[in-house]
Amino acid sequence: MHAHGNNYGSIKNGIPDVLELTYINKDYFSQIPIKNTIPFPIEGLDYPNDLTKLDYKLDTYPFISNKSNGKINLINISLVLILLLIIIIGYYIVICL
């Protein structure tokens, strides 16, 4: 998906009132595409609708994803599960032995 903020409208909390969105049918992909990590607007592709104002910069969620593409989240979940297992084993040793 590609997003561009139409700068004729206003912007609140980093989200423009009017968004121009371009989608592509998921049937054209053989695998799930990676999440976007490039801020919008893209130079040479996007241009301000109102030439007297700067284009809106879309550089936060939901327009771009964490550069890790979710890997950090999986690592964090794994670490939490390991710590939980250690706590359960420690509890078992203290209580049961």
PDB file of N, CA and C in Angstrom:
ATOM      1  N   MET A   1       0.830  -1.176   0.000  1.00  0.00           N
ATOM      2  CA  MET A   1       0.000   0.000   0.000  1.00  0.00           C
ATOM      3  C   MET A   1       0.877   1.243   0.000  1.00  0.00           C
ATOM      4  N   HIS A   2       0.424   2.266  -0.661  1.00  0.00           N
ATOM      5  CA  HIS A   2       1.114   3.551  -0.689  1.00  0.00           C
ATOM      6  C   HIS A   2       0.153   4.611  -0.163  1.00  0.00           C
ATOM      7  N   ALA A   3       0.674   5.530   0.646  1.00  0.00           N
ATOM      8  CA  ALA A   3      -0.164   6.583   1.220  1.00  0.00           C
ATOM      9  C   ALA A   3       0.432   7.957   0.931  1.00  0.00           C
ATOM     10  N   HIS A   4      -0.447   8.910   0.698  1.00  0.00           N
ATOM     11  CA  HIS A   4      -0.039  10.299   0.519  1.00  0.00           C
ATOM     12  C   HIS A   4      -1.085  11.182   1.177  1.00  0.00           C
ATOM     13  N   GLY A   5      -0.620  12.105   2.020  1.00  0.00           N
ATOM     14  CA  GLY A   5      -1.534  13.030   2.682  1.00  0.00           C
ATOM     15  C   GLY A   5      -1.839  14.217   1.799  1.00  0.00           C
ATOM     16  N   ASN A   6      -3.114  14.445   1.508  1.00  0.00           N
ATOM     17  CA  ASN A   6      -3.521  15.588   0.699  1.00  0.00           C
ATOM     18  C   ASN A   6      -3.440  16.832   1.578  1.00  0.00           C
ATOM     19  N   ASN A   7      -2.523  17.731   1.245  1.00  0.00           N
ATOM     20  CA  ASN A   7      -2.263  18.879   2.114  1.00  0.00           C
ATOM     21  C   ASN A   7      -3.255  20.036   1.927  1.00  0.00           C
ATOM     22  N   TYR A   8      -4.335  19.818   1.196  1.00  0.00           N
ATOM     23  CA  TYR A   8      -5.406  20.822   1.172  1.00  0.00           C
ATOM     24  C   TYR A   8      -6.210  20.745   2.468  1.00  0.00           C
ATOM     25  N   GLY A   9      -6.273  19.573   3.070  1.00  0.00           N
ATOM     26  CA  GLY A   9      -6.965  19.408   4.345  1.00  0.00           C
ATOM     27  C   GLY A   9      -6.005  19.632   5.493  1.00  0.00           C
ATOM     28  N   SER A  10      -6.500  19.431   6.702  1.00  0.00           N
ATOM     29  CA  SER A  10      -5.641  19.611   7.876  1.00  0.00           C
ATOM     30  C   SER A  10      -5.068  18.264   8.296  1.00  0.00           C
ATOM     31  N   ILE A  11      -4.199  18.295   9.306  1.00  0.00           N
ATOM     32  CA  ILE A  11      -3.602  17.074   9.833  1.00  0.00           C
ATOM     33  C   ILE A  11      -3.742  17.105  11.351  1.00  0.00           C
ATOM     34  N   LYS A  12      -4.201  15.987  11.925  1.00  0.00           N
ATOM     35  CA  LYS A  12      -4.388  15.898  13.375  1.00  0.00           C
ATOM     36  C   LYS A  12      -3.746  14.614  13.862  1.00  0.00           C
ATOM     37  N   ASN A  13      -2.922  14.730  14.897  1.00  0.00           N
ATOM     38  CA  ASN A  13      -2.239  13.574  15.471  1.00  0.00           C
ATOM     39  C   ASN A  13      -1.459  12.789  14.424  1.00  0.00           C
ATOM     40  N   GLY A  14      -0.887  13.492  13.453  1.00  0.00           N
ATOM     41  CA  GLY A  14      -0.065  12.857  12.428  1.00  0.00           C
ATOM     42  C   GLY A  14      -0.839  12.177  11.315  1.00  0.00           C
ATOM     43  N   ILE A  15      -2.172  12.322  11.314  1.00  0.00           N
ATOM     44  CA  ILE A  15      -2.985  11.688  10.276  1.00  0.00           C
ATOM     45  C   ILE A  15      -3.770  12.765   9.541  1.00  0.00           C
ATOM     46  N   PRO A  16      -3.551  12.906   8.230  1.00  0.00           N
ATOM     47  CA  PRO A  16      -4.264  13.918   7.446  1.00  0.00           C
ATOM     48  C   PRO A  16      -5.760  13.627   7.363  1.00  0.00           C
ATOM     49  N   ASP A  17      -6.551  14.694   7.218  1.00  0.00           N
ATOM     50  CA  ASP A  17      -7.998  14.541   7.021  1.00  0.00           C
ATOM     51  C   ASP A  17      -8.297  13.774   5.735  1.00  0.00           C
ATOM     52  N   VAL A  18      -7.493  14.026   4.702  1.00  0.00           N
ATOM     53  CA  VAL A  18      -7.710  13.381   3.405  1.00  0.00           C
ATOM     54  C   VAL A  18      -6.455  12.582   3.039  1.00  0.00           C
ATOM     55  N   LEU A  19      -6.648  11.292   2.815  1.00  0.00           N
ATOM     56  CA  LEU A  19      -5.549  10.407   2.425  1.00  0.00           C
ATOM     57  C   LEU A  19      -5.777   9.885   1.021  1.00  0.00           C
ATOM     58  N   GLU A  20      -4.703   9.830   0.256  1.00  0.00           N
ATOM     59  CA  GLU A  20      -4.736   9.184  -1.048  1.00  0.00           C
ATOM     60  C   GLU A  20      -4.041   7.842  -0.857  1.00  0.00           C
ATOM     61  N   LEU A  21      -4.740   6.763  -1.119  1.00  0.00           N
ATOM     62  CA  LEU A  21      -4.201   5.426  -0.888  1.00  0.00           C
ATOM     63  C   LEU A  21      -4.172   4.638  -2.187  1.00  0.00           C
ATOM     64  N   THR A  22      -3.082   3.918  -2.394  1.00  0.00           N
ATOM     65  CA  THR A  22      -2.945   3.027  -3.539  1.00  0.00           C
ATOM     66  C   THR A  22      -2.752   1.617  -3.009  1.00  0.00           C
ATOM     67  N   TYR A  23      -3.586   0.704  -3.458  1.00  0.00           N
ATOM     68  CA  TYR A  23      -3.519  -0.683  -3.025  1.00  0.00           C
ATOM     69  C   TYR A  23      -3.129  -1.571  -4.204  1.00  0.00           C
ATOM     70  N   ILE A  24      -2.633  -2.768  -3.893  1.00  0.00           N
ATOM     71  CA  ILE A  24      -2.401  -3.779  -4.910  1.00  0.00           C
ATOM     72  C   ILE A  24      -3.045  -5.066  -4.423  1.00  0.00           C
ATOM     73  N   ASN A  25      -3.642  -5.788  -5.326  1.00  0.00           N
ATOM     74  CA  ASN A  25      -4.328  -7.027  -4.983  1.00  0.00           C
ATOM     75  C   ASN A  25      -3.332  -8.043  -4.437  1.00  0.00           C
ATOM     76  N   LYS A  26      -3.651  -8.641  -3.286  1.00  0.00           N
ATOM     77  CA  LYS A  26      -2.725  -9.585  -2.656  1.00  0.00           C
ATOM     78  C   LYS A  26      -2.501 -10.829  -3.500  1.00  0.00           C
ATOM     79  N   ASP A  27      -3.353 -11.083  -4.479  1.00  0.00           N
ATOM     80  CA  ASP A  27      -3.158 -12.232  -5.369  1.00  0.00           C
ATOM     81  C   ASP A  27      -1.920 -12.087  -6.252  1.00  0.00           C
ATOM     82  N   TYR A  28      -1.381 -10.879  -6.355  1.00  0.00           N
ATOM     83  CA  TYR A  28      -0.179 -10.653  -7.147  1.00  0.00           C
ATOM     84  C   TYR A  28       1.101 -11.026  -6.397  1.00  0.00           C
ATOM     85  N   PHE A  29       0.992 -11.395  -5.128  1.00  0.00           N
ATOM     86  CA  PHE A  29       2.145 -11.740  -4.307  1.00  0.00           C
ATOM     87  C   PHE A  29       2.199 -13.241  -4.065  1.00  0.00           C
ATOM     88  N   SER A  30       3.401 -13.797  -4.140  1.00  0.00           N
ATOM     89  CA  SER A  30       3.565 -15.222  -3.833  1.00  0.00           C
ATOM     90  C   SER A  30       3.824 -15.429  -2.339  1.00  0.00           C
ATOM     91  N   GLN A  31       4.177 -14.356  -1.643  1.00  0.00           N
ATOM     92  CA  GLN A  31       4.368 -14.407  -0.195  1.00  0.00           C
ATOM     93  C   GLN A  31       3.917 -13.080   0.404  1.00  0.00           C
ATOM     94  N   ILE A  32       3.787 -13.039   1.719  1.00  0.00           N
ATOM     95  CA  ILE A  32       3.347 -11.814   2.383  1.00  0.00           C
ATOM     96  C   ILE A  32       4.437 -10.759   2.252  1.00  0.00           C
ATOM     97  N   PRO A  33       4.114  -9.587   1.700  1.00  0.00           N
ATOM     98  CA  PRO A  33       5.133  -8.539   1.555  1.00  0.00           C
ATOM     99  C   PRO A  33       5.547  -7.985   2.914  1.00  0.00           C
ATOM    100  N   ILE A  34       6.781  -7.491   2.986  1.00  0.00           N
ATOM    101  CA  ILE A  34       7.254  -6.889   4.227  1.00  0.00           C
ATOM    102  C   ILE A  34       6.513  -5.584   4.472  1.00  0.00           C
ATOM    103  N   LYS A  35       6.467  -5.179   5.719  1.00  0.00           N
ATOM    104  CA  LYS A  35       5.798  -3.932   6.071  1.00  0.00           C
ATOM    105  C   LYS A  35       6.662  -2.743   5.645  1.00  0.00           C
ATOM    106  N   ASN A  36       6.011  -1.653   5.345  1.00  0.00           N
ATOM    107  CA  ASN A  36       6.710  -0.454   4.888  1.00  0.00           C
ATOM    108  C   ASN A  36       7.570   0.157   5.996  1.00  0.00           C
ATOM    109  N   THR A  37       8.796   0.540   5.653  1.00  0.00           N
ATOM    110  CA  THR A  37       9.679   1.232   6.592  1.00  0.00           C
ATOM    111  C   THR A  37      10.149   2.575   6.037  1.00  0.00           C
ATOM    112  N   ILE A  38       9.638   2.951   4.876  1.00  0.00           N
ATOM    113  CA  ILE A  38      10.056   4.201   4.227  1.00  0.00           C
ATOM    114  C   ILE A  38       9.016   5.277   4.486  1.00  0.00           C
ATOM    115  N   PRO A  39       9.431   6.420   5.073  1.00  0.00           N
ATOM    116  CA  PRO A  39       8.467   7.504   5.322  1.00  0.00           C
ATOM    117  C   PRO A  39       7.907   8.067   4.017  1.00  0.00           C
ATOM    118  N   PHE A  40       6.664   8.525   4.090  1.00  0.00           N
ATOM    119  CA  PHE A  40       6.033   9.214   2.966  1.00  0.00           C
ATOM    120  C   PHE A  40       6.066  10.702   3.236  1.00  0.00           C
ATOM    121  N   PRO A  41       6.121  11.577   2.271  1.00  0.00           N
ATOM    122  CA  PRO A  41       6.070  11.321   0.843  1.00  0.00           C
ATOM    123  C   PRO A  41       7.411  10.814   0.301  1.00  0.00           C
ATOM    124  N   ILE A  42       7.343  10.125  -0.812  1.00  0.00           N
ATOM    125  CA  ILE A  42       8.543   9.618  -1.478  1.00  0.00           C
ATOM    126  C   ILE A  42       8.945  10.625  -2.541  1.00  0.00           C
ATOM    127  N   GLU A  43      10.183  11.085  -2.438  1.00  0.00           N
ATOM    128  CA  GLU A  43      10.688  12.099  -3.372  1.00  0.00           C
ATOM    129  C   GLU A  43      10.635  11.570  -4.802  1.00  0.00           C
ATOM    130  N   GLY A  44      10.123  12.400  -5.703  1.00  0.00           N
ATOM    131  CA  GLY A  44      10.015  12.030  -7.107  1.00  0.00           C
ATOM    132  C   GLY A  44       8.743  11.273  -7.444  1.00  0.00           C
ATOM    133  N   LEU A  45       8.005  10.842  -6.418  1.00  0.00           N
ATOM    134  CA  LEU A  45       6.752  10.126  -6.635  1.00  0.00           C
ATOM    135  C   LEU A  45       5.564  10.936  -6.123  1.00  0.00           C
ATOM    136  N   ASP A  46       5.716  11.512  -4.925  1.00  0.00           N
ATOM    137  CA  ASP A  46       4.639  12.275  -4.298  1.00  0.00           C
ATOM    138  C   ASP A  46       4.930  13.776  -4.383  1.00  0.00           C
ATOM    139  N   TYR A  47       3.873  14.542  -4.601  1.00  0.00           N
ATOM    140  CA  TYR A  47       3.999  15.997  -4.680  1.00  0.00           C
ATOM    141  C   TYR A  47       2.850  16.637  -3.916  1.00  0.00           C
ATOM    142  N   PRO A  48       3.065  17.823  -3.330  1.00  0.00           N
ATOM    143  CA  PRO A  48       1.982  18.493  -2.599  1.00  0.00           C
ATOM    144  C   PRO A  48       0.803  18.810  -3.524  1.00  0.00           C
ATOM    145  N   ASN A  49      -0.401  18.631  -3.014  1.00  0.00           N
ATOM    146  CA  ASN A  49      -1.589  19.015  -3.770  1.00  0.00           C
ATOM    147  C   ASN A  49      -1.710  20.535  -3.796  1.00  0.00           C
ATOM    148  N   ASP A  50      -1.437  21.168  -2.651  1.00  0.00           N
ATOM    149  CA  ASP A  50      -1.416  22.626  -2.547  1.00  0.00           C
ATOM    150  C   ASP A  50       0.045  23.047  -2.635  1.00  0.00           C
ATOM    151  N   LEU A  51       0.424  23.604  -3.768  1.00  0.00           N
ATOM    152  CA  LEU A  51       1.827  23.945  -4.015  1.00  0.00           C
ATOM    153  C   LEU A  51       2.345  25.057  -3.117  1.00  0.00           C
ATOM    154  N   THR A  52       1.425  25.750  -2.418  1.00  0.00           N
ATOM    155  CA  THR A  52       1.862  26.843  -1.535  1.00  0.00           C
ATOM    156  C   THR A  52       2.202  26.329  -0.130  1.00  0.00           C
ATOM    157  N   LYS A  53       1.939  25.033   0.136  1.00  0.00           N
ATOM    158  CA  LYS A  53       2.222  24.455   1.452  1.00  0.00           C
ATOM    159  C   LYS A  53       3.120  23.227   1.291  1.00  0.00           C
ATOM    160  N   LEU A  54       3.851  22.918   2.356  1.00  0.00           N
ATOM    161  CA  LEU A  54       4.686  21.721   2.351  1.00  0.00           C
ATOM    162  C   LEU A  54       3.813  20.471   2.379  1.00  0.00           C
ATOM    163  N   ASP A  55       4.342  19.396   1.800  1.00  0.00           N
ATOM    164  CA  ASP A  55       3.652  18.109   1.852  1.00  0.00           C
ATOM    165  C   ASP A  55       3.644  17.601   3.292  1.00  0.00           C
ATOM    166  N   TYR A  56       2.632  16.828   3.660  1.00  0.00           N
ATOM    167  CA  TYR A  56       2.585  16.239   4.999  1.00  0.00           C
ATOM    168  C   TYR A  56       3.546  15.069   5.065  1.00  0.00           C
ATOM    169  N   LYS A  57       4.341  15.029   6.123  1.00  0.00           N
ATOM    170  CA  LYS A  57       5.274  13.926   6.325  1.00  0.00           C
ATOM    171  C   LYS A  57       4.566  12.833   7.113  1.00  0.00           C
ATOM    172  N   LEU A  58       4.505  11.645   6.544  1.00  0.00           N
ATOM    173  CA  LEU A  58       3.872  10.490   7.182  1.00  0.00           C
ATOM    174  C   LEU A  58       4.998   9.534   7.565  1.00  0.00           C
ATOM    175  N   ASP A  59       5.521   9.714   8.777  1.00  0.00           N
ATOM    176  CA  ASP A  59       6.710   8.957   9.176  1.00  0.00           C
ATOM    177  C   ASP A  59       6.536   8.191  10.484  1.00  0.00           C
ATOM    178  N   THR A  60       5.271   7.928  10.860  1.00  0.00           N
ATOM    179  CA  THR A  60       4.993   7.169  12.070  1.00  0.00           C
ATOM    180  C   THR A  60       3.912   6.132  11.763  1.00  0.00           C
ATOM    181  N   TYR A  61       3.665   5.250  12.734  1.00  0.00           N
ATOM    182  CA  TYR A  61       2.581   4.288  12.600  1.00  0.00           C
ATOM    183  C   TYR A  61       1.269   5.059  12.447  1.00  0.00           C
ATOM    184  N   PRO A  62       0.376   4.720  11.597  1.00  0.00           N
ATOM    185  CA  PRO A  62       0.233   3.470  10.859  1.00  0.00           C
ATOM    186  C   PRO A  62       0.841   3.475   9.465  1.00  0.00           C
ATOM    187  N   PHE A  63       1.591   4.519   9.121  1.00  0.00           N
ATOM    188  CA  PHE A  63       2.125   4.635   7.760  1.00  0.00           C
ATOM    189  C   PHE A  63       3.436   3.885   7.568  1.00  0.00           C
ATOM    190  N   ILE A  64       4.233   3.803   8.608  1.00  0.00           N
ATOM    191  CA  ILE A  64       5.454   3.006   8.513  1.00  0.00           C
ATOM    192  C   ILE A  64       5.523   2.080   9.726  1.00  0.00           C
ATOM    193  N   SER A  65       6.194   0.991   9.522  1.00  0.00           N
ATOM    194  CA  SER A  65       6.334  -0.018  10.556  1.00  0.00           C
ATOM    195  C   SER A  65       7.713   0.099  11.187  1.00  0.00           C
ATOM    196  N   ASN A  66       7.852  -0.515  12.340  1.00  0.00           N
ATOM    197  CA  ASN A  66       9.165  -0.642  12.962  1.00  0.00           C
ATOM    198  C   ASN A  66      10.082  -1.345  11.965  1.00  0.00           C
ATOM    199  N   LYS A  67      11.314  -0.882  11.825  1.00  0.00           N
ATOM    200  CA  LYS A  67      12.242  -1.453  10.842  1.00  0.00           C
ATOM    201  C   LYS A  67      12.520  -2.928  11.065  1.00  0.00           C
ATOM    202  N   SER A  68      12.201  -3.452  12.232  1.00  0.00           N
ATOM    203  CA  SER A  68      12.453  -4.860  12.522  1.00  0.00           C
ATOM    204  C   SER A  68      11.428  -5.778  11.861  1.00  0.00           C
ATOM    205  N   ASN A  69      10.340  -5.210  11.315  1.00  0.00           N
ATOM    206  CA  ASN A  69       9.266  -5.994  10.716  1.00  0.00           C
ATOM    207  C   ASN A  69       8.713  -7.047  11.667  1.00  0.00           C
ATOM    208  N   GLY A  70       8.645  -6.714  12.950  1.00  0.00           N
ATOM    209  CA  GLY A  70       8.043  -7.603  13.918  1.00  0.00           C
ATOM    210  C   GLY A  70       9.005  -8.551  14.591  1.00  0.00           C
ATOM    211  N   LYS A  71      10.263  -8.634  14.144  1.00  0.00           N
ATOM    212  CA  LYS A  71      11.209  -9.576  14.737  1.00  0.00           C
ATOM    213  C   LYS A  71      11.477  -9.256  16.200  1.00  0.00           C
ATOM    214  N   ILE A  72      11.537  -7.975  16.539  1.00  0.00           N
ATOM    215  CA  ILE A  72      11.766  -7.589  17.932  1.00  0.00           C
ATOM    216  C   ILE A  72      10.622  -8.105  18.798  1.00  0.00           C
ATOM    217  N   ASN A  73       9.408  -8.015  18.299  1.00  0.00           N
ATOM    218  CA  ASN A  73       8.268  -8.486  19.075  1.00  0.00           C
ATOM    219  C   ASN A  73       8.371  -9.977  19.355  1.00  0.00           C
ATOM    220  N   LEU A  74       8.782 -10.767  18.364  1.00  0.00           N
ATOM    221  CA  LEU A  74       8.929 -12.202  18.572  1.00  0.00           C
ATOM    222  C   LEU A  74      10.048 -12.499  19.557  1.00  0.00           C
ATOM    223  N   ILE A  75      11.132 -11.743  19.484  1.00  0.00           N
ATOM    224  CA  ILE A  75      12.235 -11.918  20.436  1.00  0.00           C
ATOM    225  C   ILE A  75      11.762 -11.574  21.834  1.00  0.00           C
ATOM    226  N   ASN A  76      11.044 -10.469  21.987  1.00  0.00           N
ATOM    227  CA  ASN A  76      10.538 -10.075  23.305  1.00  0.00           C
ATOM    228  C   ASN A  76       9.588 -11.123  23.875  1.00  0.00           C
ATOM    229  N   ILE A  77       8.715 -11.654  23.047  1.00  0.00           N
ATOM    230  CA  ILE A  77       7.790 -12.685  23.511  1.00  0.00           C
ATOM    231  C   ILE A  77       8.561 -13.925  23.947  1.00  0.00           C
ATOM    232  N   SER A  78       9.577 -14.306  23.178  1.00  0.00           N
ATOM    233  CA  SER A  78      10.394 -15.471  23.536  1.00  0.00           C
ATOM    234  C   SER A  78      11.091 -15.262  24.867  1.00  0.00           C
ATOM    235  N   LEU A  79      11.632 -14.065  25.079  1.00  0.00           N
ATOM    236  CA  LEU A  79      12.320 -13.781  26.342  1.00  0.00           C
ATOM    237  C   LEU A  79      11.354 -13.823  27.516  1.00  0.00           C
ATOM    238  N   VAL A  80      10.168 -13.293  27.345  1.00  0.00           N
ATOM    239  CA  VAL A  80       9.174 -13.325  28.414  1.00  0.00           C
ATOM    240  C   VAL A  80       8.793 -14.766  28.745  1.00  0.00           C
ATOM    241  N   LEU A  81       8.612 -15.589  27.720  1.00  0.00           N
ATOM    242  CA  LEU A  81       8.274 -16.991  27.960  1.00  0.00           C
ATOM    243  C   LEU A  81       9.401 -17.732  28.674  1.00  0.00           C
ATOM    244  N   ILE A  82      10.648 -17.460  28.305  1.00  0.00           N
ATOM    245  CA  ILE A  82      11.792 -18.082  28.972  1.00  0.00           C
ATOM    246  C   ILE A  82      11.855 -17.645  30.434  1.00  0.00           C
ATOM    247  N   LEU A  83      11.682 -16.353  30.690  1.00  0.00           N
ATOM    248  CA  LEU A  83      11.695 -15.860  32.070  1.00  0.00           C
ATOM    249  C   LEU A  83      10.556 -16.468  32.888  1.00  0.00           C
ATOM    250  N   LEU A  84       9.399 -16.601  32.288  1.00  0.00           N
ATOM    251  CA  LEU A  84       8.268 -17.215  32.968  1.00  0.00           C
ATOM    252  C   LEU A  84       8.580 -18.672  33.316  1.00  0.00           C
ATOM    253  N   LEU A  85       9.195 -19.388  32.401  1.00  0.00           N
ATOM    254  CA  LEU A  85       9.588 -20.771  32.651  1.00  0.00           C
ATOM    255  C   LEU A  85      10.595 -20.855  33.791  1.00  0.00           C
ATOM    256  N   ILE A  86      11.561 -19.953  33.824  1.00  0.00           N
ATOM    257  CA  ILE A  86      12.560 -19.923  34.903  1.00  0.00           C
ATOM    258  C   ILE A  86      11.879 -19.663  36.242  1.00  0.00           C
ATOM    259  N   ILE A  87      10.920 -18.736  36.261  1.00  0.00           N
ATOM    260  CA  ILE A  87      10.199 -18.436  37.500  1.00  0.00           C
ATOM    261  C   ILE A  87       9.413 -19.656  37.971  1.00  0.00           C
ATOM    262  N   ILE A  88       8.751 -20.351  37.052  1.00  0.00           N
ATOM    263  CA  ILE A  88       7.967 -21.536  37.415  1.00  0.00           C
ATOM    264  C   ILE A  88       8.879 -22.632  37.955  1.00  0.00           C
ATOM    265  N   ILE A  89      10.018 -22.850  37.294  1.00  0.00           N
ATOM    266  CA  ILE A  89      10.970 -23.866  37.765  1.00  0.00           C
ATOM    267  C   ILE A  89      11.508 -23.475  39.138  1.00  0.00           C
ATOM    268  N   GLY A  90      11.860 -22.198  39.323  1.00  0.00           N
ATOM    269  CA  GLY A  90      12.347 -21.728  40.620  1.00  0.00           C
ATOM    270  C   GLY A  90      11.298 -21.898  41.696  1.00  0.00           C
ATOM    271  N   TYR A  91      10.055 -21.568  41.389  1.00  0.00           N
ATOM    272  CA  TYR A  91       8.964 -21.739  42.341  1.00  0.00           C
ATOM    273  C   TYR A  91       8.823 -23.208  42.711  1.00  0.00           C
ATOM    274  N   TYR A  92       8.875 -24.084  41.729  1.00  0.00           N
ATOM    275  CA  TYR A  92       8.770 -25.532  41.971  1.00  0.00           C
ATOM    276  C   TYR A  92       9.895 -26.013  42.886  1.00  0.00           C
ATOM    277  N   ILE A  93      11.111 -25.561  42.618  1.00  0.00           N
ATOM    278  CA  ILE A  93      12.268 -25.984  43.440  1.00  0.00           C
ATOM    279  C   ILE A  93      12.098 -25.520  44.878  1.00  0.00           C
ATOM    280  N   VAL A  94      11.698 -24.269  45.081  1.00  0.00           N
ATOM    281  CA  VAL A  94      11.566 -23.717  46.438  1.00  0.00           C
ATOM    282  C   VAL A  94      10.412 -24.367  47.177  1.00  0.00           C
ATOM    283  N   ILE A  95       9.279 -24.543  46.549  1.00  0.00           N
ATOM    284  CA  ILE A  95       8.077 -25.045  47.222  1.00  0.00           C
ATOM    285  C   ILE A  95       8.113 -26.572  47.382  1.00  0.00           C
ATOM    286  N   CYS A  96       8.524 -27.268  46.377  1.00  0.00           N
ATOM    287  CA  CYS A  96       8.368 -28.715  46.353  1.00  0.00           C
ATOM    288  C   CYS A  96       9.583 -29.472  46.879  1.00  0.00           C
ATOM    289  N   LEU A  97      10.713 -28.900  46.934  1.00  0.00           N
ATOM    290  CA  LEU A  97      11.897 -29.652  47.374  1.00  0.00           C
ATOM    291  C   LEU A  97      12.312 -29.325  48.771  1.00  0.00           C
TER     292      LEU A  97
END
